[in-house]
Amino acid sequence: VLMFPGRAAGSKPEFNLVTDNDYTDFILSIEWKISEGGNSGIMWGVIEDEKYEHPYDTGPEIQVLDNERHPDSFVGNGIHKAGSLYDMIGYPDEHINPAGKWNKCVLEIDHKKNT
């Protein structure tokens, strides 16, 4: 895993963790916690090219968010909340711990099983 600074997004710099390898089928198990008011995401299938400003321009995103404080949590009928497949499928609030507490995400991509 490599970390590199992305382009400045407005007034805040953007940082991304990426691999230097390509993966087709994988299981990613990750524990995450977010700071108060925080917003981030877990993305895959991203195309790295200068013509795309952000990773989420080309890859799906599992939302990592402070559901209690971040404004994105209150729009989109639940499809912008933590754990959601952003803008597509919501995730139940009762399965997400609040800011400052650990959460777990297991993402399985297996093109042979279509998951």
Protein backbone atom coordinates (compact mmCIF):
# COMPACT_ATOMS: atom_id res chain seq x y z
CA VAL A 1 0.00 0.00 0.00
CA LEU A 2 1.27 3.43 -0.91
CA MET A 3 0.12 6.86 0.24
CA PHE A 4 0.27 9.81 -2.06
CA PRO A 5 -1.12 13.31 -1.89
CA GLY A 6 -3.81 13.93 -4.45
CA ARG A 7 -4.78 17.24 -5.93
CA ALA A 8 -6.05 19.95 -3.64
CA ALA A 9 -9.82 19.61 -3.29
CA GLY A 10 -10.96 23.16 -2.67
CA SER A 11 -9.01 24.49 0.31
CA LYS A 12 -8.15 21.04 1.74
CA PRO A 13 -5.49 18.69 0.38
CA GLU A 14 -6.65 15.20 -0.49
CA PHE A 15 -4.67 12.08 0.49
CA ASN A 16 -5.21 8.56 -0.82
CA LEU A 17 -3.98 5.10 0.12
CA VAL A 18 -3.46 3.00 -2.99
CA THR A 19 -1.79 -0.22 -4.03
CA ASP A 20 0.86 -0.41 -6.71
CA ASN A 21 -0.76 -3.62 -8.02
CA ASP A 22 -4.02 -4.28 -9.85
CA TYR A 23 -6.48 -6.77 -8.38
CA THR A 24 -9.48 -8.37 -10.07
CA ASP A 25 -10.85 -10.63 -7.32
CA PHE A 26 -10.14 -9.88 -3.65
CA ILE A 27 -11.40 -9.70 -0.09
CA LEU A 28 -10.58 -6.50 1.79
CA SER A 29 -11.24 -6.53 5.52
CA ILE A 30 -10.64 -3.16 7.13
CA GLU A 31 -11.46 -1.53 10.44
CA TRP A 32 -12.08 2.19 10.34
CA LYS A 33 -13.06 5.08 12.56
CA ILE A 34 -13.79 8.64 11.56
CA SER A 35 -13.22 11.89 13.41
CA GLU A 36 -16.11 14.18 14.36
CA GLY A 37 -17.52 15.74 11.19
CA GLY A 38 -15.29 13.52 9.04
CA ASN A 39 -15.91 12.25 5.52
CA SER A 40 -13.90 9.64 3.63
CA GLY A 41 -14.42 6.47 1.65
CA ILE A 42 -13.20 3.05 0.59
CA MET A 43 -12.92 2.86 -3.21
CA TRP A 44 -11.95 0.18 -5.67
CA GLY A 45 -11.84 -0.26 -9.42
CA VAL A 46 -10.41 3.25 -9.71
CA ILE A 47 -8.78 4.38 -12.94
CA GLU A 48 -5.68 6.43 -12.20
CA ASP A 49 -5.40 9.05 -14.91
CA GLU A 50 -4.70 12.78 -14.82
CA LYS A 51 -8.01 13.47 -16.58
CA TYR A 52 -9.91 12.31 -13.45
CA GLU A 53 -9.69 14.68 -10.52
CA HIS A 54 -10.82 12.29 -7.75
CA PRO A 55 -10.79 8.50 -7.22
CA TYR A 56 -14.59 8.53 -6.84
CA ASP A 57 -14.89 9.84 -10.41
CA THR A 58 -14.19 6.31 -11.70
CA GLY A 59 -14.67 3.82 -8.86
CA PRO A 60 -17.50 2.88 -6.48
CA GLU A 61 -17.24 4.04 -2.86
CA ILE A 62 -18.24 2.65 0.51
CA GLN A 63 -18.94 5.79 2.54
CA VAL A 64 -16.92 6.43 5.72
CA LEU A 65 -18.70 9.28 7.50
CA ASP A 66 -19.69 10.83 10.80
CA ASN A 67 -23.43 10.22 10.41
CA GLU A 68 -24.29 12.50 13.33
CA ARG A 69 -22.43 15.63 12.19
CA HIS A 70 -21.49 15.59 8.50
CA PRO A 71 -24.05 17.32 6.23
CA ASP A 72 -23.80 14.57 3.60
CA SER A 73 -25.51 12.22 6.06
CA PHE A 74 -28.75 14.21 5.82
CA VAL A 75 -29.23 14.07 2.03
CA GLY A 76 -29.82 11.27 -0.46
CA ASN A 77 -32.43 9.27 1.52
CA GLY A 78 -29.72 7.34 3.38
CA ILE A 79 -27.52 6.49 0.40
CA HIS A 80 -24.82 8.92 1.59
CA LYS A 81 -24.52 7.57 5.15
CA ALA A 82 -21.59 5.55 6.51
CA GLY A 83 -21.47 2.00 5.18
CA SER A 84 -23.53 2.88 2.11
CA LEU A 85 -22.50 2.16 -1.44
CA TYR A 86 -22.46 5.88 -2.16
CA ASP A 87 -25.40 7.14 -4.21
CA MET A 88 -26.62 3.57 -4.83
CA ILE A 89 -27.46 1.43 -1.78
CA GLY A 90 -28.02 2.58 1.80
CA TYR A 91 -26.72 0.87 4.94
CA PRO A 92 -28.71 0.66 8.22
CA ASP A 93 -27.68 3.24 10.84
CA GLU A 94 -27.91 0.70 13.65
CA HIS A 95 -24.88 -1.19 12.26
CA ILE A 96 -22.57 1.85 12.32
CA ASN A 97 -20.71 3.05 15.40
CA PRO A 98 -20.42 6.82 15.95
CA ALA A 99 -17.40 9.01 15.25
CA GLY A 100 -14.36 8.00 17.29
CA LYS A 101 -15.47 4.34 17.53
CA TRP A 102 -14.25 1.44 15.40
CA ASN A 103 -16.31 -0.01 12.54
CA LYS A 104 -15.52 -2.97 10.29
CA CYS A 105 -16.02 -3.35 6.55
CA VAL A 106 -15.48 -6.55 4.59
CA LEU A 107 -15.56 -6.05 0.84
CA GLU A 108 -15.52 -9.12 -1.40
CA ILE A 109 -15.09 -8.74 -5.14
CA ASP A 110 -15.32 -12.00 -7.05
CA HIS A 111 -16.22 -11.61 -10.70
CA LYS A 112 -16.87 -15.34 -11.03
CA LYS A 113 -19.64 -15.10 -8.38
CA ASN A 114 -20.85 -11.61 -9.42
CA THR A 115 -20.54 -10.25 -5.85
